[in-house]
Protein backbone atom coordinates (compact mmCIF):
# COMPACT_ATOMS: atom_id res chain seq x y z
CA MET A 1 52.06 -12.43 -66.61
CA ARG A 2 52.61 -13.88 -63.16
CA TYR A 3 55.62 -16.29 -62.51
CA ALA A 4 56.21 -18.18 -59.32
CA ARG A 5 58.39 -20.94 -57.89
CA VAL A 6 56.94 -23.65 -56.21
CA SER A 7 57.75 -27.11 -54.84
CA ALA A 8 56.69 -30.01 -57.12
CA GLY A 9 58.02 -33.46 -56.99
CA GLY A 10 60.38 -32.52 -54.01
CA ARG A 11 62.15 -29.90 -56.13
CA ALA A 12 61.85 -26.15 -56.93
CA VAL A 13 60.16 -25.39 -60.19
CA TRP A 14 59.33 -22.19 -62.02
CA GLY A 15 55.72 -21.77 -62.82
CA ARG A 16 53.33 -19.44 -64.79
CA VAL A 17 50.46 -18.72 -62.65
CA GLY A 18 46.76 -18.74 -64.07
CA GLU A 19 43.56 -18.35 -62.41
CA ALA A 20 42.96 -21.83 -61.20
CA ASP A 21 46.25 -23.80 -62.27
CA ILE A 22 50.26 -23.30 -62.51
CA GLU A 23 51.84 -24.37 -65.64
CA LEU A 24 55.17 -25.85 -64.65
CA LEU A 25 58.24 -24.66 -66.75
CA SER A 26 61.44 -26.22 -67.88
CA GLY A 27 63.51 -23.11 -66.84
CA SER A 28 63.67 -19.84 -65.29
CA PRO A 29 61.96 -16.91 -67.40
CA LEU A 30 64.83 -14.75 -66.03
CA GLY A 31 67.42 -16.98 -67.88
CA PRO A 32 68.72 -16.46 -71.47
CA ASP A 33 67.12 -19.77 -72.67
CA GLY A 34 63.59 -20.40 -73.50
CA HIS A 35 61.17 -22.55 -71.41
CA ASP A 36 58.54 -25.20 -72.20
CA VAL A 37 55.44 -26.27 -70.21
CA ILE A 38 56.20 -29.51 -68.47
CA GLY A 39 53.22 -30.03 -66.32
CA THR A 40 50.40 -28.43 -64.53
CA ILE A 41 49.34 -28.31 -61.02
CA PRO A 42 46.32 -26.77 -59.21
CA ARG A 43 47.02 -23.36 -57.84
CA GLU A 44 44.86 -24.29 -54.72
CA GLY A 45 47.18 -26.14 -52.33
CA ALA A 46 50.45 -25.29 -54.01
CA HIS A 47 53.57 -25.06 -51.91
CA TRP A 48 54.84 -21.42 -52.72
CA LEU A 49 58.60 -20.92 -52.52
CA PRO A 50 60.10 -17.31 -52.56
CA PRO A 51 59.50 -16.23 -56.25
CA VAL A 52 63.41 -15.87 -56.86
CA VAL A 53 66.48 -16.51 -54.94
CA PRO A 54 68.58 -13.37 -55.59
CA PRO A 55 72.21 -13.40 -56.39
CA VAL A 56 72.20 -10.05 -54.43
CA PHE A 57 69.50 -8.98 -51.93
CA TYR A 58 69.40 -5.12 -51.97
CA ALA A 59 67.25 -3.38 -49.38
CA VAL A 60 66.25 0.23 -49.04
CA GLY A 61 65.52 2.07 -45.50
CA LEU A 62 64.06 5.34 -44.76
CA ASN A 63 62.23 5.85 -47.89
CA TYR A 64 58.90 7.07 -47.13
CA PRO A 65 58.28 10.65 -45.88
CA ARG A 66 55.93 9.65 -42.90
CA HIS A 67 58.11 6.79 -41.95
CA ILE A 68 61.22 9.22 -41.82
CA ALA A 69 59.14 11.63 -39.68
CA HIS A 70 58.04 9.11 -37.26
CA THR A 71 61.62 7.85 -36.67
CA GLY A 72 62.91 11.45 -36.32
CA ALA A 73 65.78 10.70 -38.98
CA GLU A 74 66.85 13.30 -41.78
CA THR A 75 65.59 12.88 -45.13
CA PRO A 76 68.34 11.04 -47.13
CA GLY A 77 70.00 13.42 -49.65
CA ARG A 78 70.75 10.46 -52.27
CA PRO A 79 69.87 6.89 -52.76
CA GLU A 80 71.85 4.70 -50.50
CA VAL A 81 71.19 0.90 -50.28
CA GLY A 82 71.73 -2.04 -47.84
CA TYR A 83 71.96 -5.71 -47.93
CA ARG A 84 69.92 -8.77 -46.69
CA ALA A 85 70.46 -12.33 -46.43
CA ASN A 86 69.03 -15.06 -48.68
CA ASN A 87 68.60 -17.39 -45.50
CA ALA A 88 65.92 -15.02 -44.31
CA LEU A 89 63.74 -15.67 -47.27
CA THR A 90 60.60 -17.57 -46.96
CA GLY A 91 57.49 -18.02 -49.37
CA HIS A 92 53.84 -17.30 -49.16
CA LEU A 93 51.98 -19.08 -46.61
CA SER A 94 55.06 -20.23 -45.01
CA PRO A 95 55.34 -19.23 -41.19
CA ILE A 96 57.49 -16.47 -39.74
CA VAL A 97 58.96 -17.76 -36.74
CA LYS A 98 59.60 -15.39 -33.76
CA PRO A 99 62.69 -16.63 -31.75
CA ALA A 100 61.99 -18.03 -28.27
CA GLY A 101 63.01 -15.52 -25.46
CA ILE A 102 63.12 -12.41 -27.67
CA THR A 103 61.68 -9.44 -26.06
CA GLY A 104 60.67 -5.86 -27.23
CA ARG A 105 58.92 -4.97 -30.59
CA PHE A 106 58.66 -7.77 -33.40
CA GLU A 107 57.27 -5.92 -36.50
CA ALA A 108 56.15 -6.37 -39.95
CA GLU A 109 56.94 -3.81 -42.60
CA PRO A 110 55.33 -3.91 -46.05
CA GLU A 111 57.31 -3.42 -49.02
CA LEU A 112 57.27 -3.28 -52.82
CA VAL A 113 60.27 -5.37 -54.32
CA ALA A 114 61.74 -4.81 -57.72
CA VAL A 115 63.10 -7.99 -59.56
CA ILE A 116 65.90 -7.22 -61.92
CA GLY A 117 65.61 -8.78 -65.40
CA ARG A 118 68.70 -8.15 -67.24
CA THR A 119 72.48 -7.09 -66.61
CA LEU A 120 72.82 -3.41 -65.71
CA LYS A 121 75.92 -1.28 -65.28
CA HIS A 122 75.96 2.55 -65.58
CA ALA A 123 72.13 2.45 -66.24
CA THR A 124 70.10 5.41 -67.23
CA HIS A 125 66.53 5.85 -65.96
CA ASP A 126 65.10 4.50 -69.02
CA GLU A 127 67.54 1.36 -68.94
CA ALA A 128 66.75 1.12 -65.23
CA ARG A 129 62.81 0.72 -66.16
CA GLU A 130 63.45 -1.47 -68.88
CA GLY A 131 65.67 -3.71 -66.61
CA VAL A 132 62.96 -4.38 -64.30
CA PHE A 133 61.53 -7.83 -65.03
CA GLY A 134 58.49 -7.53 -62.60
CA TRP A 135 57.36 -6.88 -59.03
CA THR A 136 56.64 -8.82 -55.89
CA ILE A 137 55.91 -8.23 -52.37
CA GLY A 138 58.06 -8.36 -49.19
CA ASN A 139 57.42 -8.14 -45.42
CA ASP A 140 60.46 -6.93 -43.77
CA VAL A 141 60.18 -8.56 -40.26
CA SER A 142 62.32 -6.90 -37.82
CA ALA A 143 63.29 -7.57 -34.01
CA ARG A 144 63.73 -4.05 -32.83
CA THR A 145 65.46 -4.96 -29.40
CA TRP A 146 68.23 -6.93 -31.43
CA GLN A 147 68.33 -4.10 -34.01
CA HIS A 148 69.36 -1.63 -31.23
CA GLN A 149 71.62 -3.97 -29.19
CA ASP A 150 73.82 -5.13 -32.36
CA ARG A 151 76.05 -2.91 -34.39
CA THR A 152 74.76 -4.48 -37.66
CA PHE A 153 71.38 -6.01 -38.62
CA TRP A 154 72.93 -9.48 -38.86
CA ARG A 155 70.14 -11.06 -36.62
CA SER A 156 67.40 -8.31 -36.34
CA LYS A 157 66.52 -8.41 -40.00
CA ASN A 158 68.40 -11.53 -41.39
CA SER A 159 67.18 -14.23 -38.92
CA ASP A 160 65.61 -17.38 -40.66
CA THR A 161 62.14 -16.59 -42.18
CA PHE A 162 62.28 -12.79 -41.42
CA LYS A 163 62.02 -12.08 -45.08
CA PRO A 164 58.68 -13.59 -46.56
CA MET A 165 58.51 -12.64 -50.42
CA GLY A 166 55.92 -13.55 -52.93
CA PRO A 167 53.51 -14.90 -53.84
CA TRP A 168 54.64 -14.41 -57.37
CA ILE A 169 56.34 -11.81 -59.78
CA GLU A 170 53.92 -9.66 -61.76
CA THR A 171 55.20 -8.49 -65.12
CA ASP A 172 52.37 -6.27 -66.12
CA VAL A 173 51.60 -3.65 -63.61
CA ASP A 174 52.26 -0.07 -62.79
CA ALA A 175 53.51 -0.82 -59.40
CA LEU A 176 54.01 2.75 -58.18
CA ALA A 177 50.40 3.53 -59.10
CA GLN A 178 49.13 1.19 -56.57
CA THR A 179 48.03 1.06 -52.71
CA THR A 180 49.92 -1.00 -50.24
CA THR A 181 47.79 -2.39 -47.35
CA LEU A 182 48.88 -4.21 -44.20
CA ARG A 183 46.36 -6.48 -42.35
CA VAL A 184 46.84 -8.50 -39.29
CA ASN A 185 44.17 -11.19 -38.48
CA GLY A 186 42.00 -9.62 -41.15
CA ALA A 187 41.95 -6.06 -39.76
CA GLU A 188 43.78 -3.22 -41.63
CA ARG A 189 46.53 -1.59 -39.89
CA ALA A 190 47.83 0.58 -42.41
CA ALA A 191 47.32 1.59 -46.30
CA PHE A 192 49.45 3.99 -48.24
CA PRO A 193 50.32 4.81 -51.82
CA THR A 194 52.93 2.56 -53.08
CA GLY A 195 54.88 5.16 -54.95
CA ASP A 196 55.05 7.86 -52.29
CA MET A 197 58.66 7.42 -52.00
CA VAL A 198 61.62 9.60 -51.59
CA PHE A 199 63.52 7.92 -54.23
CA ASP A 200 61.79 5.50 -56.62
CA PRO A 201 63.36 2.09 -57.81
CA TYR A 202 64.91 3.53 -60.62
CA ASP A 203 66.66 6.27 -58.93
CA TYR A 204 68.16 3.26 -56.77
CA ILE A 205 69.13 1.31 -59.74
CA VAL A 206 70.80 4.25 -61.37
CA ALA A 207 72.87 5.01 -58.17
CA ILE A 208 73.74 1.19 -57.60
CA THR A 209 75.05 0.54 -61.19
CA ARG A 210 77.28 3.44 -60.92
CA HIS A 211 79.44 1.20 -58.79
CA LEU A 212 77.91 -2.27 -58.92
CA THR A 213 76.63 -4.55 -61.66
CA MET A 214 73.20 -5.74 -61.07
CA HIS A 215 72.10 -9.07 -62.65
CA PRO A 216 68.92 -10.90 -63.43
CA GLY A 217 67.26 -12.07 -60.31
CA ASP A 218 68.74 -9.52 -58.07
CA VAL A 219 66.04 -8.04 -55.95
CA LEU A 220 65.47 -4.57 -54.51
CA TRP A 221 63.19 -4.09 -51.45
CA MET A 222 61.86 -0.47 -51.53
CA GLY A 223 61.09 0.42 -47.92
CA ALA A 224 57.74 0.93 -46.19
CA GLU A 225 55.67 3.91 -44.75
CA ALA A 226 54.26 1.79 -41.86
CA THR A 227 55.09 -0.73 -39.37
CA CYS A 228 52.87 -3.11 -37.19
CA ARG A 229 53.61 -5.51 -34.29
CA LEU A 230 53.26 -9.12 -34.67
CA GLU A 231 52.59 -11.85 -31.94
CA PRO A 232 52.57 -15.53 -32.24
CA GLY A 233 49.16 -16.81 -33.64
CA ASP A 234 48.82 -13.75 -35.68
CA THR A 235 48.45 -13.89 -39.53
CA VAL A 236 49.87 -10.95 -41.33
CA GLU A 237 48.96 -10.17 -44.87
CA ILE A 238 50.44 -7.46 -47.33
CA GLU A 239 48.57 -6.59 -50.47
CA ILE A 240 49.74 -4.23 -53.15
CA GLY A 241 47.08 -3.66 -55.95
CA GLY A 242 47.86 -5.31 -59.23
CA ILE A 243 50.28 -7.60 -57.77
CA GLY A 244 48.47 -9.74 -55.09
CA VAL A 245 48.57 -10.60 -51.40
CA LEU A 246 51.35 -12.13 -49.35
CA SER A 247 50.12 -14.11 -46.53
CA ASN A 248 52.03 -15.46 -43.47
CA PRO A 249 51.37 -17.05 -40.00
CA VAL A 250 53.36 -16.10 -37.05
CA LEU A 251 54.68 -18.94 -34.90
CA LEU A 252 56.69 -19.01 -31.75
CA GLU A 253 60.07 -20.80 -32.08
CA GLY A 254 59.63 -24.40 -30.92
CA ASN A 255 55.96 -24.50 -31.82
CA GLN A 256 56.22 -25.09 -35.44
CA SER A 257 54.53 -28.29 -35.67
């Protein structure tokens, strides 16, 4: 099943995505209450929102061996997680806005995203697996000059529009058995086995929930094997087999009209 959030009638509405239409729902599939179909809109031309606004936005770094080797960092000895900001989220087909005057590398990183579906504390691996509601796609956009200038990632990874996510949550896929592909302007820039991670999502959920409670709607971005430079005028696409394609144009700040 595919669940999305779309703008309908000027408000955010959950929907169940079909081949041609989206069934609008009365509530969230992540909530304790049921949800009814309240309408239908065509899938073509839908205004896609981030498929969930997470209570907590967890993010993993340096989790693919080739990426670690490329950076020259040491392979992590245990799962450790960081955070990102919800203001950076944007949806499928919405623009990534490159700040005016920024210099240096402006890059995309294609990531698998786990969406948590139940409250978890001191989870076992089996409970972690059962606790994942579904999977979506993330693009970890980074301004590398800011990343090296600042003590934290507050603007280099958390500026507005720097975290496209979507287009929907897929609940019926073996996400770790897929291939992640990164394309810019239709040309493939990278492709890698999605599950070729140092620690998988369930390792992270077990580690996180030893200390923190995870809640329905929390997201866990799983890192990337490859990066790719972006420029205004580009269109970047991330495809993960069995989930879908997340696509976003890149615009320069001040040229969004």
